[in-house]
């Protein structure tokens, strides 16, 4: 049995982003509510409060930086069925690592600004929450509640399974592992198709309506997607590459503003997008009439 070829062109990336959650359960208020309504505490539920002003700019900046990290991680990786890890191709590794380092730096700066603001937010909460303020809701070392870890692991190979069992049993287990790897690769490859199909469908919907309003990202988003699709093409599927090239050619000399200003160009791009959508809908099991 040959080793899993995917292990030569991909790996697993696991992203963990830790953020302190300001929401807290107030046991005292929860008990008071249950008692005032003569309801069993288990039935009355729990009262949740925010220990600080969650709309404070420094706290919102941390949450936004965390969201950006997760979004970029998902953008550059493909789904994997186990442990929250995702598939990262070798082609995308350097770009992924560069982007994640930059976003981690941005996250750390946002966290540092929040840590410096934390005493002020805590003092304000003492006044704002009045009798609901509880010193125990506030960590003494708030910085340790935040962190980012990226773990890179190898993809498993069926040949790596070696135990002291009868050869027939080992062979069956290896076959099962390989079958699972093949299934995982199939699931992973659905992701770039779905990304492209979703964007093309939005383009058809927006441009087919002469009065339809759209943002510049209708074009720029497709440009960005086509730029990373080769790195997401885990199995080097020629069909996906052909679709990517058609999408790129469709918008290579077209701007979002030109689509707004020139009805003829808008109709032509809408027609080309519909052609790509029809090509994809057949093998994706979606009727074009349903997608449009």
Protein backbone atom coordinates (compact mmCIF):
# COMPACT_ATOMS: atom_id res chain seq x y z
CA UNK A 1 0.00 0.00 0.00
CA UNK A 2 1.43 3.41 -0.93
CA UNK A 3 1.62 6.23 1.59
CA UNK A 4 -0.98 8.95 1.54
CA UNK A 5 0.15 11.44 -1.15
CA UNK A 6 -1.68 14.27 0.61
CA UNK A 7 0.89 14.16 3.39
CA UNK A 8 3.46 15.39 0.86
CA UNK A 9 1.46 18.47 -0.12
CA UNK A 10 -0.51 19.40 3.00
CA UNK A 11 -0.47 19.50 6.78
CA UNK A 12 -2.88 20.29 9.61
CA UNK A 13 -3.15 23.74 11.20
CA UNK A 14 -4.89 24.24 14.52
CA UNK A 15 -5.69 27.78 15.68
CA UNK A 16 -6.56 28.58 19.28
CA UNK A 17 -7.57 32.13 20.24
CA UNK A 18 -8.26 32.81 23.91
CA UNK A 19 -10.18 35.90 24.97
CA UNK A 20 -11.53 36.87 28.36
CA UNK A 21 -15.31 36.87 28.26
CA UNK A 22 -16.83 39.79 30.17
CA UNK A 23 -20.19 38.03 30.57
CA UNK A 24 -20.67 36.61 34.04
CA UNK A 25 -23.44 34.73 35.84
CA UNK A 26 -24.60 36.66 38.90
CA UNK A 27 -25.59 33.96 41.38
CA UNK A 28 -26.88 36.50 43.90
CA UNK A 29 -29.24 38.21 41.45
CA UNK A 30 -30.32 34.85 40.00
CA UNK A 31 -31.26 33.66 43.48
CA UNK A 32 -33.09 36.90 44.26
CA UNK A 33 -35.13 36.68 41.05
CA UNK A 34 -36.12 33.09 41.76
CA UNK A 35 -37.04 33.94 45.34
CA UNK A 36 -39.06 37.05 44.43
CA UNK A 37 -41.17 35.00 42.00
CA UNK A 38 -41.36 31.92 44.24
CA UNK A 39 -39.79 29.78 41.54
CA UNK A 40 -37.29 26.99 42.00
CA UNK A 41 -33.84 28.34 41.18
CA UNK A 42 -33.23 25.58 38.62
CA UNK A 43 -36.36 26.60 36.74
CA UNK A 44 -35.89 30.35 37.03
CA UNK A 45 -32.65 30.30 35.05
CA UNK A 46 -29.52 32.36 35.52
CA UNK A 47 -28.94 36.08 35.32
CA UNK A 48 -26.05 37.15 33.09
CA UNK A 49 -24.30 40.49 33.31
CA UNK A 50 -21.31 42.15 31.66
CA UNK A 51 -18.48 42.75 34.12
CA UNK A 52 -17.26 45.70 32.03
CA UNK A 53 -18.63 47.87 29.25
CA UNK A 54 -18.28 45.47 26.31
CA UNK A 55 -18.65 48.40 23.91
CA UNK A 56 -15.46 49.98 25.22
CA UNK A 57 -13.18 50.63 22.19
CA UNK A 58 -10.24 48.70 23.64
CA UNK A 59 -12.36 45.61 24.32
CA UNK A 60 -14.05 45.78 20.91
CA UNK A 61 -10.62 46.05 19.27
CA UNK A 62 -9.52 42.80 20.91
CA UNK A 63 -12.67 40.99 19.81
CA UNK A 64 -12.27 42.34 16.26
CA UNK A 65 -8.62 41.22 16.13
CA UNK A 66 -9.64 37.74 17.33
CA UNK A 67 -12.35 37.54 14.67
CA UNK A 68 -9.86 38.60 12.00
CA UNK A 69 -7.46 35.85 13.07
CA UNK A 70 -10.17 33.19 12.87
CA UNK A 71 -11.45 34.49 9.53
CA UNK A 72 -8.01 34.44 7.94
CA UNK A 73 -7.37 30.95 9.32
CA UNK A 74 -10.57 29.69 7.69
CA UNK A 75 -9.84 31.58 4.46
CA UNK A 76 -6.48 29.90 3.94
CA UNK A 77 -7.39 26.39 5.12
CA UNK A 78 -9.75 23.55 4.28
CA UNK A 79 -12.02 21.52 6.57
CA UNK A 80 -10.69 18.48 8.38
CA UNK A 81 -12.90 16.12 10.30
CA UNK A 82 -10.97 15.82 13.56
CA UNK A 83 -9.92 17.86 16.59
CA UNK A 84 -10.78 21.28 15.20
CA UNK A 85 -7.69 21.29 12.97
CA UNK A 86 -7.92 22.28 9.31
CA UNK A 87 -5.93 21.30 6.24
CA UNK A 88 -3.21 23.72 5.15
CA UNK A 89 -1.52 23.07 1.82
CA UNK A 90 2.22 23.51 1.42
CA UNK A 91 1.49 26.08 -1.30
CA UNK A 92 -0.38 28.24 1.22
CA UNK A 93 1.99 27.69 4.15
CA UNK A 94 4.25 30.72 3.73
CA UNK A 95 1.40 33.11 2.99
CA UNK A 96 -0.64 31.69 5.86
CA UNK A 97 2.29 31.97 8.28
CA UNK A 98 3.05 35.54 7.21
CA UNK A 99 -0.57 36.68 7.53
CA UNK A 100 -1.08 34.94 10.87
CA UNK A 101 2.10 36.47 12.32
CA UNK A 102 0.91 39.93 11.31
CA UNK A 103 -2.57 39.39 12.71
CA UNK A 104 -1.16 37.91 15.90
CA UNK A 105 0.92 41.05 16.33
CA UNK A 106 -2.19 43.14 15.81
CA UNK A 107 -4.03 41.03 18.38
CA UNK A 108 -1.23 41.41 20.92
CA UNK A 109 -1.22 45.20 20.50
CA UNK A 110 -5.00 45.30 21.00
CA UNK A 111 -4.70 43.13 24.10
CA UNK A 112 -1.99 45.36 25.54
CA UNK A 113 -4.18 48.45 25.03
CA UNK A 114 -7.07 46.67 26.75
CA UNK A 115 -4.86 45.56 29.66
CA UNK A 116 -3.82 49.18 30.18
CA UNK A 117 -7.47 50.26 30.04
CA UNK A 118 -8.67 47.44 32.29
CA UNK A 119 -8.29 49.26 35.65
CA UNK A 120 -10.31 52.18 34.31
CA UNK A 121 -13.04 49.89 32.96
CA UNK A 122 -13.12 48.04 36.25
CA UNK A 123 -13.46 51.28 38.23
CA UNK A 124 -16.30 52.38 35.95
CA UNK A 125 -18.02 49.01 36.42
CA UNK A 126 -17.94 49.47 40.19
CA UNK A 127 -20.16 52.53 39.73
CA UNK A 128 -22.25 51.29 36.79
CA UNK A 129 -23.11 47.92 38.31
CA UNK A 130 -23.74 49.34 41.77
CA UNK A 131 -24.86 46.47 44.03
CA UNK A 132 -24.21 43.94 41.26
CA UNK A 133 -20.47 44.61 41.33
CA UNK A 134 -18.48 41.61 42.50
CA UNK A 135 -14.70 41.79 42.86
CA UNK A 136 -14.50 38.08 42.20
CA UNK A 137 -15.62 38.64 38.59
CA UNK A 138 -12.31 40.34 37.73
CA UNK A 139 -9.07 38.37 37.16
CA UNK A 140 -6.04 39.78 38.93
CA UNK A 141 -3.83 38.97 35.90
CA UNK A 142 -6.06 39.86 32.98
CA UNK A 143 -3.24 39.49 30.42
CA UNK A 144 -3.03 35.74 30.91
CA UNK A 145 -6.66 35.40 29.81
CA UNK A 146 -5.67 36.21 26.23
CA UNK A 147 -3.51 34.25 23.84
CA UNK A 148 -3.02 32.88 20.34
CA UNK A 149 -1.51 29.52 19.48
CA UNK A 150 -1.04 28.02 16.03
CA UNK A 151 -0.05 24.35 15.94
CA UNK A 152 1.16 22.73 12.72
CA UNK A 153 0.88 18.95 12.59
CA UNK A 154 1.50 16.36 9.86
CA UNK A 155 -1.36 14.68 8.08
CA UNK A 156 -1.61 11.03 9.14
CA UNK A 157 -0.62 8.24 6.79
CA UNK A 158 -2.11 4.78 6.73
CA UNK A 159 1.41 3.27 6.63
CA UNK A 160 2.19 4.88 9.99
CA UNK A 161 -0.11 2.41 11.74
CA UNK A 162 2.10 -0.30 13.23
CA UNK A 163 0.95 -2.52 16.08
CA UNK A 164 1.40 -6.14 17.10
CA UNK A 165 -1.70 -7.61 15.51
CA UNK A 166 -2.23 -10.28 12.86
CA UNK A 167 -1.29 -8.96 9.42
CA UNK A 168 -4.87 -9.30 8.15
CA UNK A 169 -6.13 -7.09 11.00
CA UNK A 170 -3.41 -4.51 10.43
CA UNK A 171 -4.17 -4.47 6.71
CA UNK A 172 -7.87 -3.90 7.37
CA UNK A 173 -7.16 -1.05 9.79
CA UNK A 174 -4.78 0.58 7.31
CA UNK A 175 -7.40 0.28 4.59
CA UNK A 176 -9.93 1.92 6.91
CA UNK A 177 -7.50 4.76 7.69
CA UNK A 178 -6.84 5.31 4.00
CA UNK A 179 -10.57 5.31 3.26
CA UNK A 180 -11.06 7.97 5.95
CA UNK A 181 -8.23 10.05 4.50
CA UNK A 182 -9.77 9.79 1.04
CA UNK A 183 -13.15 10.82 2.45
CA UNK A 184 -11.58 13.76 4.27
CA UNK A 185 -9.89 14.90 1.06
CA UNK A 186 -13.22 14.73 -0.78
CA UNK A 187 -14.93 16.81 1.92
CA UNK A 188 -12.05 19.30 1.93
CA UNK A 189 -12.28 19.77 -1.83
CA UNK A 190 -15.95 20.66 -1.61
CA UNK A 191 -14.97 23.82 0.28
CA UNK A 192 -13.20 25.75 -2.54
CA UNK A 193 -15.97 24.75 -4.96
CA UNK A 194 -18.58 26.06 -2.53
CA UNK A 195 -16.68 29.30 -2.03
CA UNK A 196 -16.46 29.92 -5.76
CA UNK A 197 -20.05 28.86 -6.42
CA UNK A 198 -21.35 31.10 -3.65
CA UNK A 199 -19.54 34.15 -5.00
CA UNK A 200 -20.52 33.49 -8.61
CA UNK A 201 -24.15 33.05 -7.52
CA UNK A 202 -24.08 36.42 -5.72
CA UNK A 203 -22.65 37.98 -8.86
CA UNK A 204 -25.44 36.54 -11.00
CA UNK A 205 -28.08 37.75 -8.56
CA UNK A 206 -26.70 41.30 -8.30
CA UNK A 207 -25.81 41.88 -11.93
CA UNK A 208 -28.89 40.30 -13.50
CA UNK A 209 -30.98 43.06 -11.93
CA UNK A 210 -30.19 46.32 -13.81
CA UNK A 211 -31.08 48.29 -10.68
CA UNK A 212 -29.41 45.90 -8.24
CA UNK A 213 -27.04 47.53 -5.78
CA UNK A 214 -23.72 45.90 -4.93
CA UNK A 215 -20.44 46.71 -3.21
CA UNK A 216 -17.00 46.82 -4.76
CA UNK A 217 -16.25 43.50 -3.02
CA UNK A 218 -18.47 41.77 -5.57
CA UNK A 219 -15.49 42.13 -7.91
CA UNK A 220 -12.54 42.51 -5.52
CA UNK A 221 -13.73 39.57 -3.42
CA UNK A 222 -13.75 37.32 -6.48
CA UNK A 223 -10.26 38.55 -7.43
CA UNK A 224 -9.00 37.68 -3.95
CA UNK A 225 -10.70 34.28 -4.01
CA UNK A 226 -9.24 33.37 -7.39
CA UNK A 227 -5.80 34.36 -6.09
CA UNK A 228 -5.88 31.77 -3.31
CA UNK A 229 -7.82 29.00 -5.07
CA UNK A 230 -4.66 27.36 -6.48
CA UNK A 231 -3.41 27.02 -2.90
CA UNK A 232 -6.72 25.48 -1.82
CA UNK A 233 -6.76 22.99 -4.69
CA UNK A 234 -5.62 20.11 -2.48
CA UNK A 235 -5.90 17.40 -5.12
CA UNK A 236 -4.88 19.58 -8.08
CA UNK A 237 -8.34 19.16 -9.56
CA UNK A 238 -8.16 20.45 -13.19
CA UNK A 239 -11.89 21.22 -13.21
CA UNK A 240 -11.53 23.65 -10.30
CA UNK A 241 -8.57 25.29 -11.99
CA UNK A 242 -10.53 25.70 -15.22
CA UNK A 243 -13.41 27.33 -13.36
CA UNK A 244 -10.98 29.65 -11.59
CA UNK A 245 -9.45 30.71 -14.90
CA UNK A 246 -12.87 31.41 -16.38
CA UNK A 247 -13.81 33.52 -13.37
CA UNK A 248 -10.53 35.45 -13.56
CA UNK A 249 -10.91 36.07 -17.29
CA UNK A 250 -14.46 37.33 -16.73
CA UNK A 251 -13.33 40.19 -14.48
CA UNK A 252 -9.72 40.74 -15.50
CA UNK A 253 -10.35 44.18 -17.03
CA UNK A 254 -13.60 45.04 -15.26
CA UNK A 255 -14.07 47.28 -12.24
CA UNK A 256 -17.09 47.47 -9.95
CA UNK A 257 -17.71 51.05 -11.04
CA UNK A 258 -17.71 50.07 -14.71
CA UNK A 259 -20.36 47.45 -13.95
CA UNK A 260 -22.47 50.20 -12.41
CA UNK A 261 -21.91 52.71 -15.22
CA UNK A 262 -21.96 50.50 -18.32
CA UNK A 263 -25.14 48.39 -18.81
CA UNK A 264 -23.60 46.46 -21.71
CA UNK A 265 -20.58 45.38 -19.64
CA UNK A 266 -22.86 44.54 -16.75
CA UNK A 267 -25.02 42.29 -18.95
CA UNK A 268 -21.96 40.58 -20.43
CA UNK A 269 -20.42 39.80 -17.05
CA UNK A 270 -23.81 38.65 -15.73
CA UNK A 271 -24.08 36.27 -18.71
CA UNK A 272 -20.58 34.88 -18.18
CA UNK A 273 -21.22 34.45 -14.46
CA UNK A 274 -24.47 32.62 -15.25
CA UNK A 275 -22.55 30.30 -17.60
CA UNK A 276 -20.09 29.44 -14.83
CA UNK A 277 -22.96 28.99 -12.39
CA UNK A 278 -24.71 26.60 -14.78
CA UNK A 279 -21.51 24.61 -15.27
CA UNK A 280 -21.10 24.24 -11.52
CA UNK A 281 -24.73 23.62 -10.61
CA UNK A 282 -24.78 20.39 -12.59
CA UNK A 283 -22.10 18.61 -10.55
CA UNK A 284 -22.93 20.38 -7.28
CA UNK A 285 -26.47 19.07 -7.32
CA UNK A 286 -28.08 22.50 -7.43
CA UNK A 287 -30.53 23.61 -10.07
CA UNK A 288 -29.56 26.93 -11.60
CA UNK A 289 -33.09 28.22 -11.11
CA UNK A 290 -32.76 27.52 -7.38
CA UNK A 291 -29.37 29.19 -7.09
CA UNK A 292 -30.36 32.34 -8.94
